[in-house]
Amino acid sequence: MRLGAVALAAGLFGGLGTLCFLLAFGTDYWLLASDGCGGYGPVVLEVEPGKNQTTNTTVEVVPSLTLHHEGFFWRCTFQAQPSMHAVWAVLFTNQPETKVCIHGYLFPFPVAVGPVPHPIYDATAVFRGFWTLLIVLGVACALVGGFLLLCAVPFLSPKLYRLGGEFLISAACLFLTLLVLYVLWAELVDVQRYVLQERGETCHNAQVSVLYGWSFMLAGAGVPLELLAGLLFLLIGRHLQASQ
């Protein structure tokens, strides 16, 4: 009876951890950033022709805030009111129709949006493949571990319990490495340069605000859940083996 309760708790922890990993992998909110540089905002033209005068044209750029959010699949940019906070602006209910997205499979390191190599890219670009590989392997380990544990029910194969637990622990370690890589990238690399990209050449004094997004938080929440589930399943496997 006690073994069943431990297995149930481990299954709940593992399921929640895997769900967090899948949501972090599938959503594009690892990086949230905002800047006042402009470059994507609407332009309003007011024309006031005179009878015997040349046409006077007034160009007025509507003040706005450029918001960015990025993940494994997409890198998106859109305009919002300057008073709107980046965290609330990227909620699903606030998504504007004018949002522009490009593929971002190599996030969080520079995404190729123009000629390659581009002078704005730096040495951290060589690590982008590692980030991509780790996040795919982490999700794969979590799913394989869950499948093996389903096959192990009801306490028939200690080996499957141990193997499933090892896969869950591996997934937790991979995602922990991802989080460390992301924090190092966000804290040590010139993120302002990355967010502005080509626009930075004409907007040297732009104020850029960078935040950790919802996807990052979900991945962080999934690591201890997945690690605890893996350890519990390892203990279950060893207990079953000892009792045989």
C-alpha atoms as a PDB file:
ATOM      1  CA  MET A   1       0.000   0.000   0.000  1.00  0.00           C
ATOM      2  CA  ARG A   2       2.826   2.390   0.855  1.00  0.00           C
ATOM      3  CA  LEU A   3       4.601   1.497  -2.382  1.00  0.00           C
ATOM      4  CA  GLY A   4       1.471   2.325  -4.340  1.00  0.00           C
ATOM      5  CA  ALA A   5       1.190   5.722  -2.673  1.00  0.00           C
ATOM      6  CA  VAL A   6       4.839   6.506  -3.450  1.00  0.00           C
ATOM      7  CA  ALA A   7       4.358   5.434  -7.063  1.00  0.00           C
ATOM      8  CA  LEU A   8       1.251   7.615  -7.346  1.00  0.00           C
ATOM      9  CA  ALA A   9       3.084  10.636  -5.936  1.00  0.00           C
ATOM     10  CA  ALA A  10       6.047  10.019  -8.236  1.00  0.00           C
ATOM     11  CA  GLY A  11       3.711   9.713 -11.205  1.00  0.00           C
ATOM     12  CA  LEU A  12       2.035  13.024 -10.365  1.00  0.00           C
ATOM     13  CA  PHE A  13       5.385  14.779  -9.960  1.00  0.00           C
ATOM     14  CA  GLY A  14       6.689  13.277 -13.180  1.00  0.00           C
ATOM     15  CA  GLY A  15       3.549  14.147 -15.114  1.00  0.00           C
ATOM     16  CA  LEU A  16       3.594  17.755 -13.927  1.00  0.00           C
ATOM     17  CA  GLY A  17       7.316  18.057 -14.643  1.00  0.00           C
ATOM     18  CA  THR A  18       6.937  16.654 -18.158  1.00  0.00           C
ATOM     19  CA  LEU A  19       3.995  18.980 -18.797  1.00  0.00           C
ATOM     20  CA  CYS A  20       6.126  21.947 -17.701  1.00  0.00           C
ATOM     21  CA  PHE A  21       8.896  20.864 -20.070  1.00  0.00           C
ATOM     22  CA  LEU A  22       6.499  20.442 -22.988  1.00  0.00           C
ATOM     23  CA  LEU A  23       4.937  23.862 -22.378  1.00  0.00           C
ATOM     24  CA  ALA A  24       8.362  25.488 -22.052  1.00  0.00           C
ATOM     25  CA  PHE A  25       9.474  23.813 -25.285  1.00  0.00           C
ATOM     26  CA  GLY A  26       6.310  24.657 -27.224  1.00  0.00           C
ATOM     27  CA  THR A  27       5.789  28.268 -26.111  1.00  0.00           C
ATOM     28  CA  ASP A  28       7.814  31.240 -27.303  1.00  0.00           C
ATOM     29  CA  TYR A  29       8.249  33.233 -24.100  1.00  0.00           C
ATOM     30  CA  TRP A  30      11.776  32.437 -22.902  1.00  0.00           C
ATOM     31  CA  LEU A  31      12.886  35.998 -23.568  1.00  0.00           C
ATOM     32  CA  LEU A  32      10.704  39.056 -23.041  1.00  0.00           C
ATOM     33  CA  ALA A  33      12.192  42.383 -24.084  1.00  0.00           C
ATOM     34  CA  SER A  34      10.990  45.896 -24.805  1.00  0.00           C
ATOM     35  CA  ASP A  35      12.651  48.924 -26.344  1.00  0.00           C
ATOM     36  CA  GLY A  36      11.709  52.431 -27.399  1.00  0.00           C
ATOM     37  CA  CYS A  37      13.838  52.467 -30.520  1.00  0.00           C
ATOM     38  CA  GLY A  38      10.917  52.185 -32.921  1.00  0.00           C
ATOM     39  CA  GLY A  39      11.473  51.093 -36.477  1.00  0.00           C
ATOM     40  CA  TYR A  40       8.280  49.047 -36.723  1.00  0.00           C
ATOM     41  CA  GLY A  41       5.779  51.717 -35.755  1.00  0.00           C
ATOM     42  CA  PRO A  42       3.123  53.250 -38.023  1.00  0.00           C
ATOM     43  CA  VAL A  43       3.811  56.467 -39.855  1.00  0.00           C
ATOM     44  CA  VAL A  44       1.092  59.089 -40.325  1.00  0.00           C
ATOM     45  CA  LEU A  45       1.359  61.511 -43.236  1.00  0.00           C
ATOM     46  CA  GLU A  46      -0.505  64.811 -43.112  1.00  0.00           C
ATOM     47  CA  VAL A  47      -0.589  66.666 -46.423  1.00  0.00           C
ATOM     48  CA  GLU A  48      -1.668  70.324 -46.564  1.00  0.00           C
ATOM     49  CA  PRO A  49      -1.490  71.579 -50.141  1.00  0.00           C
ATOM     50  CA  GLY A  50      -1.629  75.325 -50.812  1.00  0.00           C
ATOM     51  CA  LYS A  51      -3.071  77.079 -53.858  1.00  0.00           C
ATOM     52  CA  ASN A  52       0.164  78.631 -55.105  1.00  0.00           C
ATOM     53  CA  GLN A  53       2.566  76.828 -52.821  1.00  0.00           C
ATOM     54  CA  THR A  54       4.393  73.581 -52.892  1.00  0.00           C
ATOM     55  CA  THR A  55       2.955  70.679 -50.924  1.00  0.00           C
ATOM     56  CA  ASN A  56       3.967  70.605 -47.259  1.00  0.00           C
ATOM     57  CA  THR A  57       4.260  67.147 -45.785  1.00  0.00           C
ATOM     58  CA  THR A  58       4.421  66.487 -42.082  1.00  0.00           C
ATOM     59  CA  VAL A  59       5.663  63.104 -40.958  1.00  0.00           C
ATOM     60  CA  GLU A  60       4.626  62.027 -37.492  1.00  0.00           C
ATOM     61  CA  VAL A  61       5.773  58.758 -36.014  1.00  0.00           C
ATOM     62  CA  VAL A  62       3.228  57.527 -33.500  1.00  0.00           C
ATOM     63  CA  PRO A  63       5.041  56.876 -30.210  1.00  0.00           C
ATOM     64  CA  SER A  64       5.000  53.201 -29.325  1.00  0.00           C
ATOM     65  CA  LEU A  65       6.925  50.499 -27.536  1.00  0.00           C
ATOM     66  CA  THR A  66       8.494  47.634 -29.449  1.00  0.00           C
ATOM     67  CA  LEU A  67       8.019  44.315 -27.648  1.00  0.00           C
ATOM     68  CA  HIS A  68       9.844  41.056 -28.319  1.00  0.00           C
ATOM     69  CA  HIS A  69       9.205  37.519 -27.209  1.00  0.00           C
ATOM     70  CA  GLU A  70      11.183  34.484 -28.278  1.00  0.00           C
ATOM     71  CA  GLY A  71      11.308  30.734 -27.891  1.00  0.00           C
ATOM     72  CA  PHE A  72      12.524  27.620 -29.631  1.00  0.00           C
ATOM     73  CA  PHE A  73      10.165  27.959 -32.594  1.00  0.00           C
ATOM     74  CA  TRP A  74       9.479  31.673 -33.127  1.00  0.00           C
ATOM     75  CA  ARG A  75      10.931  35.135 -32.607  1.00  0.00           C
ATOM     76  CA  CYS A  76       8.169  37.746 -32.607  1.00  0.00           C
ATOM     77  CA  THR A  77       8.015  41.539 -32.537  1.00  0.00           C
ATOM     78  CA  PHE A  78       5.040  43.860 -32.243  1.00  0.00           C
ATOM     79  CA  GLN A  79       4.050  47.343 -31.141  1.00  0.00           C
ATOM     80  CA  ALA A  80       2.297  48.263 -27.889  1.00  0.00           C
ATOM     81  CA  GLN A  81       1.482  51.342 -25.870  1.00  0.00           C
ATOM     82  CA  PRO A  82       4.440  52.742 -23.890  1.00  0.00           C
ATOM     83  CA  SER A  83       2.495  52.367 -20.636  1.00  0.00           C
ATOM     84  CA  MET A  84       1.931  48.622 -21.135  1.00  0.00           C
ATOM     85  CA  HIS A  85       4.185  46.212 -19.235  1.00  0.00           C
ATOM     86  CA  ALA A  86       5.916  43.554 -21.329  1.00  0.00           C
ATOM     87  CA  VAL A  87       4.689  40.681 -19.132  1.00  0.00           C
ATOM     88  CA  TRP A  88       1.014  41.563 -19.665  1.00  0.00           C
ATOM     89  CA  ALA A  89       1.452  42.572 -23.293  1.00  0.00           C
ATOM     90  CA  VAL A  90       2.488  39.066 -24.376  1.00  0.00           C
ATOM     91  CA  LEU A  91      -0.497  37.247 -22.891  1.00  0.00           C
ATOM     92  CA  PHE A  92      -2.488  35.249 -25.415  1.00  0.00           C
ATOM     93  CA  THR A  93      -5.482  37.563 -25.015  1.00  0.00           C
ATOM     94  CA  ASN A  94      -3.380  40.606 -25.944  1.00  0.00           C
ATOM     95  CA  GLN A  95      -1.768  39.308 -29.138  1.00  0.00           C
ATOM     96  CA  PRO A  96      -2.071  41.941 -31.893  1.00  0.00           C
ATOM     97  CA  GLU A  97      -2.828  41.096 -35.507  1.00  0.00           C
ATOM     98  CA  THR A  98       0.195  43.108 -36.663  1.00  0.00           C
ATOM     99  CA  LYS A  99       2.714  40.890 -34.881  1.00  0.00           C
ATOM    100  CA  VAL A 100       5.656  39.868 -37.063  1.00  0.00           C
ATOM    101  CA  CYS A 101       7.311  36.489 -36.387  1.00  0.00           C
ATOM    102  CA  ILE A 102      10.294  34.683 -37.874  1.00  0.00           C
ATOM    103  CA  HIS A 103      11.593  31.177 -37.250  1.00  0.00           C
ATOM    104  CA  GLY A 104      13.820  30.926 -34.202  1.00  0.00           C
ATOM    105  CA  TYR A 105      14.931  27.312 -34.050  1.00  0.00           C
ATOM    106  CA  LEU A 106      18.379  28.287 -32.818  1.00  0.00           C
ATOM    107  CA  PHE A 107      17.233  30.493 -29.932  1.00  0.00           C
ATOM    108  CA  PRO A 108      18.485  31.875 -27.582  1.00  0.00           C
ATOM    109  CA  PHE A 109      21.547  32.642 -29.668  1.00  0.00           C
ATOM    110  CA  PRO A 110      21.448  35.004 -32.680  1.00  0.00           C
ATOM    111  CA  VAL A 111      18.908  34.128 -35.352  1.00  0.00           C
ATOM    112  CA  ALA A 112      19.892  34.674 -38.973  1.00  0.00           C
ATOM    113  CA  VAL A 113      17.605  37.383 -40.350  1.00  0.00           C
ATOM    114  CA  GLY A 114      19.891  38.731 -43.073  1.00  0.00           C
ATOM    115  CA  PRO A 115      23.246  38.075 -44.761  1.00  0.00           C
ATOM    116  CA  VAL A 116      25.374  35.441 -43.046  1.00  0.00           C
ATOM    117  CA  PRO A 117      27.844  36.028 -41.518  1.00  0.00           C
ATOM    118  CA  HIS A 118      26.459  39.318 -40.250  1.00  0.00           C
ATOM    119  CA  PRO A 119      28.651  41.854 -38.388  1.00  0.00           C
ATOM    120  CA  ILE A 120      26.192  42.054 -35.452  1.00  0.00           C
ATOM    121  CA  TYR A 121      26.742  38.401 -34.548  1.00  0.00           C
ATOM    122  CA  ASP A 122      29.329  37.491 -31.934  1.00  0.00           C
ATOM    123  CA  ALA A 123      31.202  34.431 -30.742  1.00  0.00           C
ATOM    124  CA  THR A 124      28.254  33.093 -28.727  1.00  0.00           C
ATOM    125  CA  ALA A 125      26.613  32.020 -31.986  1.00  0.00           C
ATOM    126  CA  VAL A 126      28.756  28.864 -31.993  1.00  0.00           C
ATOM    127  CA  PHE A 127      26.889  27.601 -28.917  1.00  0.00           C
ATOM    128  CA  ARG A 128      23.393  27.859 -30.407  1.00  0.00           C
ATOM    129  CA  GLY A 129      23.478  24.285 -31.654  1.00  0.00           C
ATOM    130  CA  PHE A 130      24.163  23.020 -28.132  1.00  0.00           C
ATOM    131  CA  TRP A 131      21.061  24.808 -26.806  1.00  0.00           C
ATOM    132  CA  THR A 132      18.919  23.351 -29.574  1.00  0.00           C
ATOM    133  CA  LEU A 133      20.264  19.838 -29.019  1.00  0.00           C
ATOM    134  CA  LEU A 134      19.815  19.973 -25.249  1.00  0.00           C
ATOM    135  CA  ILE A 135      16.204  21.136 -25.330  1.00  0.00           C
ATOM    136  CA  VAL A 136      15.242  18.435 -27.849  1.00  0.00           C
ATOM    137  CA  LEU A 137      17.049  15.747 -25.851  1.00  0.00           C
ATOM    138  CA  GLY A 138      15.463  16.946 -22.600  1.00  0.00           C
ATOM    139  CA  VAL A 139      11.932  16.701 -23.976  1.00  0.00           C
ATOM    140  CA  ALA A 140      12.704  13.309 -25.563  1.00  0.00           C
ATOM    141  CA  CYS A 141      14.078  11.908 -22.284  1.00  0.00           C
ATOM    142  CA  ALA A 142      11.013  13.067 -20.364  1.00  0.00           C
ATOM    143  CA  LEU A 143       8.642  11.437 -22.861  1.00  0.00           C
ATOM    144  CA  VAL A 144      10.616   8.176 -23.091  1.00  0.00           C
ATOM    145  CA  GLY A 145      10.837   7.967 -19.294  1.00  0.00           C
ATOM    146  CA  GLY A 146       7.104   8.456 -18.948  1.00  0.00           C
ATOM    147  CA  PHE A 147       6.413   5.765 -21.559  1.00  0.00           C
ATOM    148  CA  LEU A 148       8.688   3.255 -19.811  1.00  0.00           C
ATOM    149  CA  LEU A 149       7.007   3.914 -16.466  1.00  0.00           C
ATOM    150  CA  LEU A 150       3.578   3.342 -17.985  1.00  0.00           C
ATOM    151  CA  CYS A 151       4.820   0.016 -19.289  1.00  0.00           C
ATOM    152  CA  ALA A 152       6.151  -0.877 -15.808  1.00  0.00           C
ATOM    153  CA  VAL A 153       2.712  -0.678 -14.146  1.00  0.00           C
ATOM    154  CA  PRO A 154       1.671  -2.555 -12.000  1.00  0.00           C
ATOM    155  CA  PHE A 155       5.037  -3.233 -10.323  1.00  0.00           C
ATOM    156  CA  LEU A 156       5.996  -6.036 -12.672  1.00  0.00           C
ATOM    157  CA  SER A 157       9.403  -4.853 -13.867  1.00  0.00           C
ATOM    158  CA  PRO A 158      11.931  -3.289 -11.470  1.00  0.00           C
ATOM    159  CA  LYS A 159      14.242  -2.718 -14.429  1.00  0.00           C
ATOM    160  CA  LEU A 160      11.673  -0.535 -16.219  1.00  0.00           C
ATOM    161  CA  TYR A 161      11.120   1.513 -13.066  1.00  0.00           C
ATOM    162  CA  ARG A 162      14.850   2.114 -12.720  1.00  0.00           C
ATOM    163  CA  LEU A 163      15.264   2.894 -16.408  1.00  0.00           C
ATOM    164  CA  GLY A 164      12.272   5.242 -16.422  1.00  0.00           C
ATOM    165  CA  GLY A 165      13.605   7.014 -13.342  1.00  0.00           C
ATOM    166  CA  GLU A 166      17.011   7.440 -14.982  1.00  0.00           C
ATOM    167  CA  PHE A 167      15.399   9.004 -18.054  1.00  0.00           C
ATOM    168  CA  LEU A 168      13.446  11.455 -15.898  1.00  0.00           C
ATOM    169  CA  ILE A 169      16.591  12.427 -13.979  1.00  0.00           C
ATOM    170  CA  SER A 170      18.416  12.892 -17.281  1.00  0.00           C
ATOM    171  CA  ALA A 171      15.631  15.168 -18.530  1.00  0.00           C
ATOM    172  CA  ALA A 172      15.843  17.249 -15.345  1.00  0.00           C
ATOM    173  CA  CYS A 173      19.632  17.578 -15.691  1.00  0.00           C
ATOM    174  CA  LEU A 174      19.368  18.573 -19.352  1.00  0.00           C
ATOM    175  CA  PHE A 175      16.803  21.271 -18.623  1.00  0.00           C
ATOM    176  CA  LEU A 176      18.856  22.499 -15.673  1.00  0.00           C
ATOM    177  CA  THR A 177      21.795  22.874 -18.066  1.00  0.00           C
ATOM    178  CA  LEU A 178      19.485  24.770 -20.433  1.00  0.00           C
ATOM    179  CA  LEU A 179      18.520  27.189 -17.690  1.00  0.00           C
ATOM    180  CA  VAL A 180      22.147  27.775 -16.746  1.00  0.00           C
ATOM    181  CA  LEU A 181      23.072  28.420 -20.391  1.00  0.00           C
ATOM    182  CA  TYR A 182      20.175  30.826 -20.749  1.00  0.00           C
ATOM    183  CA  VAL A 183      21.076  32.763 -17.597  1.00  0.00           C
ATOM    184  CA  LEU A 184      24.713  32.999 -18.703  1.00  0.00           C
ATOM    185  CA  TRP A 185      23.584  34.252 -22.113  1.00  0.00           C
ATOM    186  CA  ALA A 186      21.175  36.807 -20.635  1.00  0.00           C
ATOM    187  CA  GLU A 187      23.625  38.116 -18.038  1.00  0.00           C
ATOM    188  CA  LEU A 188      26.975  37.994 -19.826  1.00  0.00           C
ATOM    189  CA  VAL A 189      26.141  38.691 -23.491  1.00  0.00           C
ATOM    190  CA  ASP A 190      25.158  42.085 -24.911  1.00  0.00           C
ATOM    191  CA  VAL A 191      21.440  41.295 -25.067  1.00  0.00           C
ATOM    192  CA  GLN A 192      20.587  44.885 -26.038  1.00  0.00           C
ATOM    193  CA  ARG A 193      22.581  44.464 -29.216  1.00  0.00           C
ATOM    194  CA  TYR A 194      20.814  41.191 -29.938  1.00  0.00           C
ATOM    195  CA  VAL A 195      17.314  42.626 -29.346  1.00  0.00           C
ATOM    196  CA  LEU A 196      17.882  45.703 -31.505  1.00  0.00           C
ATOM    197  CA  GLN A 197      19.860  43.849 -34.201  1.00  0.00           C
ATOM    198  CA  GLU A 198      19.947  45.956 -37.405  1.00  0.00           C
ATOM    199  CA  ARG A 199      17.984  48.799 -35.800  1.00  0.00           C
ATOM    200  CA  GLY A 200      20.792  49.313 -33.293  1.00  0.00           C
ATOM    201  CA  GLU A 201      22.876  50.996 -35.987  1.00  0.00           C
ATOM    202  CA  THR A 202      20.471  53.953 -35.997  1.00  0.00           C
ATOM    203  CA  CYS A 203      19.303  53.799 -32.379  1.00  0.00           C
ATOM    204  CA  HIS A 204      22.386  53.961 -30.163  1.00  0.00           C
ATOM    205  CA  ASN A 205      20.721  55.324 -27.012  1.00  0.00           C
ATOM    206  CA  ALA A 206      17.678  53.043 -26.919  1.00  0.00           C
ATOM    207  CA  GLN A 207      16.591  51.791 -23.507  1.00  0.00           C
ATOM    208  CA  VAL A 208      16.155  48.013 -23.653  1.00  0.00           C
ATOM    209  CA  SER A 209      14.429  46.077 -20.871  1.00  0.00           C
ATOM    210  CA  VAL A 210      14.993  42.300 -20.747  1.00  0.00           C
ATOM    211  CA  LEU A 211      12.938  39.914 -18.601  1.00  0.00           C
ATOM    212  CA  TYR A 212      12.802  36.173 -18.015  1.00  0.00           C
ATOM    213  CA  GLY A 213       9.604  34.950 -19.638  1.00  0.00           C
ATOM    214  CA  TRP A 214       6.878  32.456 -18.795  1.00  0.00           C
ATOM    215  CA  SER A 215       8.578  29.598 -20.663  1.00  0.00           C
ATOM    216  CA  PHE A 216      11.742  30.037 -18.597  1.00  0.00           C
ATOM    217  CA  MET A 217       9.699  29.937 -15.383  1.00  0.00           C
ATOM    218  CA  LEU A 218       7.888  26.767 -16.479  1.00  0.00           C
ATOM    219  CA  ALA A 219      11.154  25.012 -17.264  1.00  0.00           C
ATOM    220  CA  GLY A 220      12.526  26.039 -13.872  1.00  0.00           C
ATOM    221  CA  ALA A 221       9.438  24.678 -12.121  1.00  0.00           C
ATOM    222  CA  GLY A 222       9.673  21.382 -13.998  1.00  0.00           C
ATOM    223  CA  VAL A 223      13.272  20.603 -13.008  1.00  0.00           C
ATOM    224  CA  PRO A 224      12.701  19.766  -9.287  1.00  0.00           C
ATOM    225  CA  LEU A 225       9.439  17.946 -10.078  1.00  0.00           C
ATOM    226  CA  GLU A 226      11.092  15.748 -12.690  1.00  0.00           C
ATOM    227  CA  LEU A 227      14.156  15.155 -10.517  1.00  0.00           C
ATOM    228  CA  LEU A 228      12.049  14.116  -7.518  1.00  0.00           C
ATOM    229  CA  ALA A 229       9.932  11.804  -9.661  1.00  0.00           C
ATOM    230  CA  GLY A 230      13.025  10.147 -11.121  1.00  0.00           C
ATOM    231  CA  LEU A 231      14.552   9.555  -7.691  1.00  0.00           C
ATOM    232  CA  LEU A 232      11.315   8.062  -6.349  1.00  0.00           C
ATOM    233  CA  PHE A 233      11.007   5.691  -9.292  1.00  0.00           C
ATOM    234  CA  LEU A 234      14.621   4.614  -8.820  1.00  0.00           C
ATOM    235  CA  LEU A 235      13.855   3.786  -5.189  1.00  0.00           C
ATOM    236  CA  ILE A 236      10.726   1.858  -6.231  1.00  0.00           C
ATOM    237  CA  GLY A 237      12.746  -0.160  -8.723  1.00  0.00           C
ATOM    238  CA  ARG A 238      15.385  -1.029  -6.144  1.00  0.00           C
ATOM    239  CA  HIS A 239      12.749  -1.970  -3.566  1.00  0.00           C
ATOM    240  CA  LEU A 240      11.000  -4.270  -6.046  1.00  0.00           C
ATOM    241  CA  GLN A 241      14.283  -5.888  -7.000  1.00  0.00           C
ATOM    242  CA  ALA A 242      15.220  -6.465  -3.349  1.00  0.00           C
ATOM    243  CA  SER A 243      11.838  -8.016  -2.579  1.00  0.00           C
ATOM    244  CA  GLN A 244      11.988 -10.542  -5.399  1.00  0.00           C
END
